[in-house]
PDB file of N, CA and C in Angstrom:
ATOM      1  N   MET A   1      38.766   6.592 -61.899  1.00  0.00           N
ATOM      2  CA  MET A   1      39.812   6.552 -60.896  1.00  0.00           C
ATOM      3  C   MET A   1      40.949   5.691 -61.434  1.00  0.00           C
ATOM      4  N   LYS A   2      42.157   6.162 -61.174  1.00  0.00           N
ATOM      5  CA  LYS A   2      43.316   5.382 -61.588  1.00  0.00           C
ATOM      6  C   LYS A   2      44.013   4.843 -60.334  1.00  0.00           C
ATOM      7  N   VAL A   3      44.722   3.766 -60.503  1.00  0.00           N
ATOM      8  CA  VAL A   3      45.443   3.159 -59.390  1.00  0.00           C
ATOM      9  C   VAL A   3      46.929   3.361 -59.620  1.00  0.00           C
ATOM     10  N   GLU A   4      47.598   3.932 -58.624  1.00  0.00           N
ATOM     11  CA  GLU A   4      49.048   4.092 -58.676  1.00  0.00           C
ATOM     12  C   GLU A   4      49.649   3.317 -57.528  1.00  0.00           C
ATOM     13  N   THR A   5      50.856   2.876 -57.721  1.00  0.00           N
ATOM     14  CA  THR A   5      51.513   2.044 -56.722  1.00  0.00           C
ATOM     15  C   THR A   5      52.827   2.679 -56.302  1.00  0.00           C
ATOM     16  N   ASP A   6      53.090   2.613 -55.008  1.00  0.00           N
ATOM     17  CA  ASP A   6      54.387   3.041 -54.489  1.00  0.00           C
ATOM     18  C   ASP A   6      54.861   1.990 -53.500  1.00  0.00           C
ATOM     19  N   SER A   7      55.874   2.334 -52.702  1.00  0.00           N
ATOM     20  CA  SER A   7      56.438   1.351 -51.775  1.00  0.00           C
ATOM     21  C   SER A   7      55.460   0.936 -50.680  1.00  0.00           C
ATOM     22  N   LEU A   8      54.391   1.711 -50.481  1.00  0.00           N
ATOM     23  CA  LEU A   8      53.392   1.385 -49.469  1.00  0.00           C
ATOM     24  C   LEU A   8      52.226   0.591 -50.039  1.00  0.00           C
ATOM     25  N   GLY A   9      52.230   0.363 -51.344  1.00  0.00           N
ATOM     26  CA  GLY A   9      51.155  -0.393 -51.970  1.00  0.00           C
ATOM     27  C   GLY A   9      50.377   0.432 -52.967  1.00  0.00           C
ATOM     28  N   ALA A  10      49.200  -0.069 -53.347  1.00  0.00           N
ATOM     29  CA  ALA A  10      48.365   0.583 -54.349  1.00  0.00           C
ATOM     30  C   ALA A  10      47.456   1.613 -53.692  1.00  0.00           C
ATOM     31  N   SER A  11      47.177   2.675 -54.439  1.00  0.00           N
ATOM     32  CA  SER A  11      46.308   3.740 -53.938  1.00  0.00           C
ATOM     33  C   SER A  11      45.488   4.279 -55.101  1.00  0.00           C
ATOM     34  N   GLY A  12      44.198   4.488 -54.869  1.00  0.00           N
ATOM     35  CA  GLY A  12      43.327   5.033 -55.903  1.00  0.00           C
ATOM     36  C   GLY A  12      43.414   6.552 -55.960  1.00  0.00           C
ATOM     37  N   ILE A  13      43.595   7.103 -57.152  1.00  0.00           N
ATOM     38  CA  ILE A  13      43.676   8.549 -57.370  1.00  0.00           C
ATOM     39  C   ILE A  13      42.534   8.951 -58.296  1.00  0.00           C
ATOM     40  N   GLU A  14      41.743   9.946 -57.873  1.00  0.00           N
ATOM     41  CA  GLU A  14      40.623  10.393 -58.693  1.00  0.00           C
ATOM     42  C   GLU A  14      41.116  10.963 -60.019  1.00  0.00           C
ATOM     43  N   ASN A  15      40.331  10.763 -61.070  1.00  0.00           N
ATOM     44  CA  ASN A  15      40.680  11.318 -62.379  1.00  0.00           C
ATOM     45  C   ASN A  15      40.751  12.836 -62.302  1.00  0.00           C
ATOM     46  N   GLY A  16      41.715  13.418 -62.988  1.00  0.00           N
ATOM     47  CA  GLY A  16      41.881  14.857 -63.011  1.00  0.00           C
ATOM     48  C   GLY A  16      42.688  15.407 -61.852  1.00  0.00           C
ATOM     49  N   ARG A  17      43.083  14.576 -60.902  1.00  0.00           N
ATOM     50  CA  ARG A  17      43.880  15.032 -59.760  1.00  0.00           C
ATOM     51  C   ARG A  17      45.354  14.972 -60.131  1.00  0.00           C
ATOM     52  N   HIS A  18      46.108  15.935 -59.662  1.00  0.00           N
ATOM     53  CA  HIS A  18      47.538  15.985 -59.941  1.00  0.00           C
ATOM     54  C   HIS A  18      48.316  15.583 -58.693  1.00  0.00           C
ATOM     55  N   SER A  19      47.994  14.448 -58.166  1.00  0.00           N
ATOM     56  CA  SER A  19      48.691  13.982 -56.978  1.00  0.00           C
ATOM     57  C   SER A  19      49.070  12.531 -57.176  1.00  0.00           C
ATOM     58  N   GLY A  20      50.103  12.147 -56.483  1.00  0.00           N
ATOM     59  CA  GLY A  20      50.551  10.774 -56.541  1.00  0.00           C
ATOM     60  C   GLY A  20      49.985   9.974 -55.388  1.00  0.00           C
ATOM     61  N   PRO A  21      50.353   8.719 -55.293  1.00  0.00           N
ATOM     62  CA  PRO A  21      49.807   7.886 -54.230  1.00  0.00           C
ATOM     63  C   PRO A  21      50.191   8.352 -52.830  1.00  0.00           C
ATOM     64  N   GLN A  22      51.356   8.987 -52.684  1.00  0.00           N
ATOM     65  CA  GLN A  22      51.759   9.440 -51.351  1.00  0.00           C
ATOM     66  C   GLN A  22      50.840  10.542 -50.850  1.00  0.00           C
ATOM     67  N   THR A  23      50.575  11.561 -51.669  1.00  0.00           N
ATOM     68  CA  THR A  23      49.744  12.672 -51.211  1.00  0.00           C
ATOM     69  C   THR A  23      48.297  12.263 -51.026  1.00  0.00           C
ATOM     70  N   GLY A  24      47.861  11.213 -51.679  1.00  0.00           N
ATOM     71  CA  GLY A  24      46.512  10.710 -51.487  1.00  0.00           C
ATOM     72  C   GLY A  24      46.287  10.192 -50.082  1.00  0.00           C
ATOM     73  N   ARG A  25      47.363   9.879 -49.389  1.00  0.00           N
ATOM     74  CA  ARG A  25      47.266   9.362 -48.018  1.00  0.00           C
ATOM     75  C   ARG A  25      47.355  10.466 -46.968  1.00  0.00           C
ATOM     76  N   PHE A  26      47.663  11.688 -47.355  1.00  0.00           N
ATOM     77  CA  PHE A  26      47.808  12.786 -46.402  1.00  0.00           C
ATOM     78  C   PHE A  26      46.441  13.345 -46.006  1.00  0.00           C
ATOM     79  N   PRO A  27      46.275  13.745 -44.746  1.00  0.00           N
ATOM     80  CA  PRO A  27      45.031  14.421 -44.369  1.00  0.00           C
ATOM     81  C   PRO A  27      44.987  15.813 -44.998  1.00  0.00           C
ATOM     82  N   PRO A  28      43.804  16.316 -45.329  1.00  0.00           N
ATOM     83  CA  PRO A  28      43.690  17.623 -45.994  1.00  0.00           C
ATOM     84  C   PRO A  28      44.366  18.759 -45.233  1.00  0.00           C
ATOM     85  N   GLY A  29      44.317  18.737 -43.910  1.00  0.00           N
ATOM     86  CA  GLY A  29      44.951  19.799 -43.122  1.00  0.00           C
ATOM     87  C   GLY A  29      46.447  19.864 -43.333  1.00  0.00           C
ATOM     88  N   LEU A  30      47.071  18.710 -43.499  1.00  0.00           N
ATOM     89  CA  LEU A  30      48.511  18.674 -43.736  1.00  0.00           C
ATOM     90  C   LEU A  30      48.837  19.234 -45.115  1.00  0.00           C
ATOM     91  N   ILE A  31      48.047  18.894 -46.096  1.00  0.00           N
ATOM     92  CA  ILE A  31      48.273  19.415 -47.449  1.00  0.00           C
ATOM     93  C   ILE A  31      48.138  20.938 -47.448  1.00  0.00           C
ATOM     94  N   CYS A  32      47.154  21.462 -46.732  1.00  0.00           N
ATOM     95  CA  CYS A  32      46.962  22.914 -46.626  1.00  0.00           C
ATOM     96  C   CYS A  32      48.162  23.561 -45.938  1.00  0.00           C
ATOM     97  N   ALA A  33      48.645  22.948 -44.865  1.00  0.00           N
ATOM     98  CA  ALA A  33      49.791  23.504 -44.133  1.00  0.00           C
ATOM     99  C   ALA A  33      51.040  23.526 -45.005  1.00  0.00           C
ATOM    100  N   VAL A  34      51.264  22.485 -45.780  1.00  0.00           N
ATOM    101  CA  VAL A  34      52.427  22.446 -46.666  1.00  0.00           C
ATOM    102  C   VAL A  34      52.299  23.524 -47.741  1.00  0.00           C
ATOM    103  N   GLY A  35      51.103  23.719 -48.249  1.00  0.00           N
ATOM    104  CA  GLY A  35      50.882  24.774 -49.243  1.00  0.00           C
ATOM    105  C   GLY A  35      51.185  26.153 -48.681  1.00  0.00           C
ATOM    106  N   ARG A  36      50.773  26.397 -47.452  1.00  0.00           N
ATOM    107  CA  ARG A  36      51.054  27.691 -46.823  1.00  0.00           C
ATOM    108  C   ARG A  36      52.541  27.869 -46.576  1.00  0.00           C
ATOM    109  N   GLN A  37      53.209  26.804 -46.191  1.00  0.00           N
ATOM    110  CA  GLN A  37      54.654  26.888 -45.972  1.00  0.00           C
ATOM    111  C   GLN A  37      55.353  27.198 -47.291  1.00  0.00           C
ATOM    112  N   LYS A  38      54.905  26.581 -48.372  1.00  0.00           N
ATOM    113  CA  LYS A  38      55.513  26.844 -49.683  1.00  0.00           C
ATOM    114  C   LYS A  38      55.261  28.289 -50.109  1.00  0.00           C
ATOM    115  N   TRP A  39      54.054  28.822 -49.816  1.00  0.00           N
ATOM    116  CA  TRP A  39      53.779  30.220 -50.127  1.00  0.00           C
ATOM    117  C   TRP A  39      54.716  31.129 -49.339  1.00  0.00           C
ATOM    118  N   ALA A  40      54.908  30.835 -48.061  1.00  0.00           N
ATOM    119  CA  ALA A  40      55.778  31.664 -47.221  1.00  0.00           C
ATOM    120  C   ALA A  40      57.213  31.654 -47.743  1.00  0.00           C
ATOM    121  N   ALA A  41      57.679  30.484 -48.170  1.00  0.00           N
ATOM    122  CA  ALA A  41      59.034  30.394 -48.728  1.00  0.00           C
ATOM    123  C   ALA A  41      59.132  31.190 -50.027  1.00  0.00           C
ATOM    124  N   ALA A  42      58.094  31.123 -50.857  1.00  0.00           N
ATOM    125  CA  ALA A  42      58.098  31.890 -52.111  1.00  0.00           C
ATOM    126  C   ALA A  42      58.110  33.385 -51.839  1.00  0.00           C
ATOM    127  N   ALA A  43      57.352  33.833 -50.833  1.00  0.00           N
ATOM    128  CA  ALA A  43      57.335  35.257 -50.483  1.00  0.00           C
ATOM    129  C   ALA A  43      58.698  35.701 -49.972  1.00  0.00           C
ATOM    130  N   ALA A  44      59.340  34.861 -49.163  1.00  0.00           N
ATOM    131  CA  ALA A  44      60.674  35.201 -48.650  1.00  0.00           C
ATOM    132  C   ALA A  44      61.689  35.266 -49.789  1.00  0.00           C
ATOM    133  N   ASN A  45      61.607  34.326 -50.716  1.00  0.00           N
ATOM    134  CA  ASN A  45      62.527  34.343 -51.865  1.00  0.00           C
ATOM    135  C   ASN A  45      62.294  35.570 -52.741  1.00  0.00           C
ATOM    136  N   ALA A  46      61.031  35.948 -52.934  1.00  0.00           N
ATOM    137  CA  ALA A  46      60.718  37.136 -53.729  1.00  0.00           C
ATOM    138  C   ALA A  46      61.263  38.387 -53.049  1.00  0.00           C
ATOM    139  N   ALA A  47      61.112  38.475 -51.735  1.00  0.00           N
ATOM    140  CA  ALA A  47      61.623  39.625 -50.995  1.00  0.00           C
ATOM    141  C   ALA A  47      63.130  39.738 -51.148  1.00  0.00           C
ATOM    142  N   LEU A  48      63.796  38.615 -51.033  1.00  0.00           N
ATOM    143  CA  LEU A  48      65.257  38.612 -51.176  1.00  0.00           C
ATOM    144  C   LEU A  48      65.673  39.024 -52.588  1.00  0.00           C
ATOM    145  N   ALA A  49      65.023  38.451 -53.592  1.00  0.00           N
ATOM    146  CA  ALA A  49      65.373  38.744 -54.987  1.00  0.00           C
ATOM    147  C   ALA A  49      65.093  40.201 -55.353  1.00  0.00           C
ATOM    148  N   GLU A  50      64.020  40.762 -54.819  1.00  0.00           N
ATOM    149  CA  GLU A  50      63.625  42.126 -55.158  1.00  0.00           C
ATOM    150  C   GLU A  50      64.241  43.166 -54.234  1.00  0.00           C
ATOM    151  N   GLY A  51      64.885  42.716 -53.176  1.00  0.00           N
ATOM    152  CA  GLY A  51      65.498  43.648 -52.239  1.00  0.00           C
ATOM    153  C   GLY A  51      64.490  44.448 -51.436  1.00  0.00           C
ATOM    154  N   VAL A  52      63.348  43.828 -51.137  1.00  0.00           N
ATOM    155  CA  VAL A  52      62.312  44.490 -50.351  1.00  0.00           C
ATOM    156  C   VAL A  52      62.081  43.705 -49.060  1.00  0.00           C
ATOM    157  N   THR A  53      61.284  44.270 -48.181  1.00  0.00           N
ATOM    158  CA  THR A  53      60.980  43.581 -46.936  1.00  0.00           C
ATOM    159  C   THR A  53      60.036  42.409 -47.194  1.00  0.00           C
ATOM    160  N   LEU A  54      60.035  41.462 -46.272  1.00  0.00           N
ATOM    161  CA  LEU A  54      59.108  40.335 -46.365  1.00  0.00           C
ATOM    162  C   LEU A  54      57.666  40.841 -46.351  1.00  0.00           C
ATOM    163  N   ARG A  55      57.403  41.847 -45.543  1.00  0.00           N
ATOM    164  CA  ARG A  55      56.059  42.421 -45.464  1.00  0.00           C
ATOM    165  C   ARG A  55      55.604  42.922 -46.834  1.00  0.00           C
ATOM    166  N   LYS A  56      56.464  43.684 -47.488  1.00  0.00           N
ATOM    167  CA  LYS A  56      56.112  44.258 -48.791  1.00  0.00           C
ATOM    168  C   LYS A  56      55.882  43.156 -49.834  1.00  0.00           C
ATOM    169  N   ALA A  57      56.754  42.148 -49.854  1.00  0.00           N
ATOM    170  CA  ALA A  57      56.604  41.056 -50.825  1.00  0.00           C
ATOM    171  C   ALA A  57      55.345  40.244 -50.550  1.00  0.00           C
ATOM    172  N   ALA A  58      55.040  39.988 -49.279  1.00  0.00           N
ATOM    173  CA  ALA A  58      53.855  39.203 -48.930  1.00  0.00           C
ATOM    174  C   ALA A  58      52.578  39.929 -49.335  1.00  0.00           C
ATOM    175  N   ILE A  59      52.512  41.218 -49.056  1.00  0.00           N
ATOM    176  CA  ILE A  59      51.324  41.993 -49.407  1.00  0.00           C
ATOM    177  C   ILE A  59      51.195  42.107 -50.921  1.00  0.00           C
ATOM    178  N   ALA A  60      52.313  42.289 -51.614  1.00  0.00           N
ATOM    179  CA  ALA A  60      52.284  42.395 -53.085  1.00  0.00           C
ATOM    180  C   ALA A  60      51.797  41.101 -53.736  1.00  0.00           C
ATOM    181  N   SER A  61      52.017  39.974 -53.072  1.00  0.00           N
ATOM    182  CA  SER A  61      51.583  38.686 -53.634  1.00  0.00           C
ATOM    183  C   SER A  61      50.064  38.571 -53.660  1.00  0.00           C
ATOM    184  N   GLY A  62      49.387  39.365 -52.817  1.00  0.00           N
ATOM    185  CA  GLY A  62      47.941  39.305 -52.751  1.00  0.00           C
ATOM    186  C   GLY A  62      47.411  38.208 -51.842  1.00  0.00           C
ATOM    187  N   PHE A  63      48.289  37.447 -51.231  1.00  0.00           N
ATOM    188  CA  PHE A  63      47.859  36.355 -50.357  1.00  0.00           C
ATOM    189  C   PHE A  63      47.413  36.866 -48.996  1.00  0.00           C
ATOM    190  N   VAL A  64      47.995  37.981 -48.545  1.00  0.00           N
ATOM    191  CA  VAL A  64      47.631  38.558 -47.253  1.00  0.00           C
ATOM    192  C   VAL A  64      47.443  40.060 -47.400  1.00  0.00           C
ATOM    193  N   THR A  65      46.653  40.616 -46.504  1.00  0.00           N
ATOM    194  CA  THR A  65      46.513  42.067 -46.441  1.00  0.00           C
ATOM    195  C   THR A  65      47.519  42.591 -45.419  1.00  0.00           C
ATOM    196  N   ALA A  66      47.685  43.893 -45.376  1.00  0.00           N
ATOM    197  CA  ALA A  66      48.598  44.489 -44.399  1.00  0.00           C
ATOM    198  C   ALA A  66      48.150  44.168 -42.978  1.00  0.00           C
ATOM    199  N   ALA A  67      46.840  44.197 -42.738  1.00  0.00           N
ATOM    200  CA  ALA A  67      46.323  43.894 -41.397  1.00  0.00           C
ATOM    201  C   ALA A  67      46.592  42.438 -41.017  1.00  0.00           C
ATOM    202  N   GLU A  68      46.375  41.520 -41.963  1.00  0.00           N
ATOM    203  CA  GLU A  68      46.642  40.098 -41.682  1.00  0.00           C
ATOM    204  C   GLU A  68      48.115  39.876 -41.407  1.00  0.00           C
ATOM    205  N   PHE A  69      48.966  40.488 -42.212  1.00  0.00           N
ATOM    206  CA  PHE A  69      50.405  40.328 -41.996  1.00  0.00           C
ATOM    207  C   PHE A  69      50.781  40.816 -40.608  1.00  0.00           C
ATOM    208  N   GLY A  70      50.219  41.945 -40.191  1.00  0.00           N
ATOM    209  CA  GLY A  70      50.510  42.484 -38.869  1.00  0.00           C
ATOM    210  C   GLY A  70      50.076  41.566 -37.740  1.00  0.00           C
ATOM    211  N   ARG A  71      48.949  40.874 -37.933  1.00  0.00           N
ATOM    212  CA  ARG A  71      48.466  39.943 -36.910  1.00  0.00           C
ATOM    213  C   ARG A  71      49.273  38.650 -36.892  1.00  0.00           C
ATOM    214  N   TRP A  72      49.644  38.136 -38.071  1.00  0.00           N
ATOM    215  CA  TRP A  72      50.294  36.830 -38.153  1.00  0.00           C
ATOM    216  C   TRP A  72      51.788  36.893 -37.896  1.00  0.00           C
ATOM    217  N   MET A  73      52.424  37.938 -38.363  1.00  0.00           N
ATOM    218  CA  MET A  73      53.878  38.028 -38.249  1.00  0.00           C
ATOM    219  C   MET A  73      54.235  39.003 -37.138  1.00  0.00           C
ATOM    220  N   ARG A  74      54.766  38.505 -36.110  1.00  0.00           N
ATOM    221  CA  ARG A  74      55.169  39.335 -34.972  1.00  0.00           C
ATOM    222  C   ARG A  74      56.668  39.148 -34.766  1.00  0.00           C
ATOM    223  N   PRO A  75      57.488  40.027 -35.372  1.00  0.00           N
ATOM    224  CA  PRO A  75      58.943  39.867 -35.284  1.00  0.00           C
ATOM    225  C   PRO A  75      59.453  39.799 -33.853  1.00  0.00           C
ATOM    226  N   GLU A  76      58.824  40.564 -32.945  1.00  0.00           N
ATOM    227  CA  GLU A  76      59.303  40.553 -31.565  1.00  0.00           C
ATOM    228  C   GLU A  76      59.179  39.162 -30.948  1.00  0.00           C
ATOM    229  N   GLU A  77      58.176  38.402 -31.342  1.00  0.00           N
ATOM    230  CA  GLU A  77      58.037  37.037 -30.838  1.00  0.00           C
ATOM    231  C   GLU A  77      59.089  36.120 -31.451  1.00  0.00           C
ATOM    232  N   ARG A  78      59.429  36.349 -32.700  1.00  0.00           N
ATOM    233  CA  ARG A  78      60.443  35.523 -33.370  1.00  0.00           C
ATOM    234  C   ARG A  78      61.829  35.777 -32.776  1.00  0.00           C
ATOM    235  N   LEU A  79      62.065  37.007 -32.299  1.00  0.00           N
ATOM    236  CA  LEU A  79      63.367  37.368 -31.731  1.00  0.00           C
ATOM    237  C   LEU A  79      63.431  37.124 -30.234  1.00  0.00           C
ATOM    238  N   GLY A  80      62.325  36.733 -29.634  1.00  0.00           N
ATOM    239  CA  GLY A  80      62.292  36.483 -28.204  1.00  0.00           C
ATOM    240  C   GLY A  80      62.294  37.750 -27.379  1.00  0.00           C
ATOM    241  N   LEU A  81      61.868  38.882 -27.936  1.00  0.00           N
ATOM    242  CA  LEU A  81      61.847  40.154 -27.212  1.00  0.00           C
ATOM    243  C   LEU A  81      60.508  40.348 -26.519  1.00  0.00           C
ATOM    244  N   ARG A  82      60.516  41.107 -25.472  1.00  0.00           N
ATOM    245  CA  ARG A  82      59.274  41.505 -24.808  1.00  0.00           C
ATOM    246  C   ARG A  82      58.864  42.866 -25.364  1.00  0.00           C
ATOM    247  N   ALA A  83      57.622  43.211 -25.202  1.00  0.00           N
ATOM    248  CA  ALA A  83      57.127  44.488 -25.703  1.00  0.00           C
ATOM    249  C   ALA A  83      57.974  45.638 -25.157  1.00  0.00           C
ATOM    250  N   GLY A  84      58.370  46.538 -26.040  1.00  0.00           N
ATOM    251  CA  GLY A  84      59.151  47.706 -25.654  1.00  0.00           C
ATOM    252  C   GLY A  84      60.653  47.491 -25.644  1.00  0.00           C
ATOM    253  N   GLU A  85      61.146  46.264 -25.902  1.00  0.00           N
ATOM    254  CA  GLU A  85      62.581  45.997 -25.891  1.00  0.00           C
ATOM    255  C   GLU A  85      63.253  46.234 -27.231  1.00  0.00           C
ATOM    256  N   ALA A  86      62.481  46.310 -28.295  1.00  0.00           N
ATOM    257  CA  ALA A  86      63.079  46.406 -29.625  1.00  0.00           C
ATOM    258  C   ALA A  86      63.834  47.653 -29.863  1.00  0.00           C
TER     259      ALA A  86
END
């Protein structure tokens, strides 16, 4: 274990880990959520760069299936529409 120091003090980091003292203090759920947010941003950037829909880029990444994308991403909810208004 190595010890790294930041403005909050010293923190032990396990050998072989690629994290600094700040991330060592984060709960695992937060680290997972940040990773998912970064994946979503990467998928959106890929869609924009390739000129395809977010759905197509997300499925092509292999991170989600078409069924998962359909369950997780509900454009009508993002736009504040009720069913049948689109």
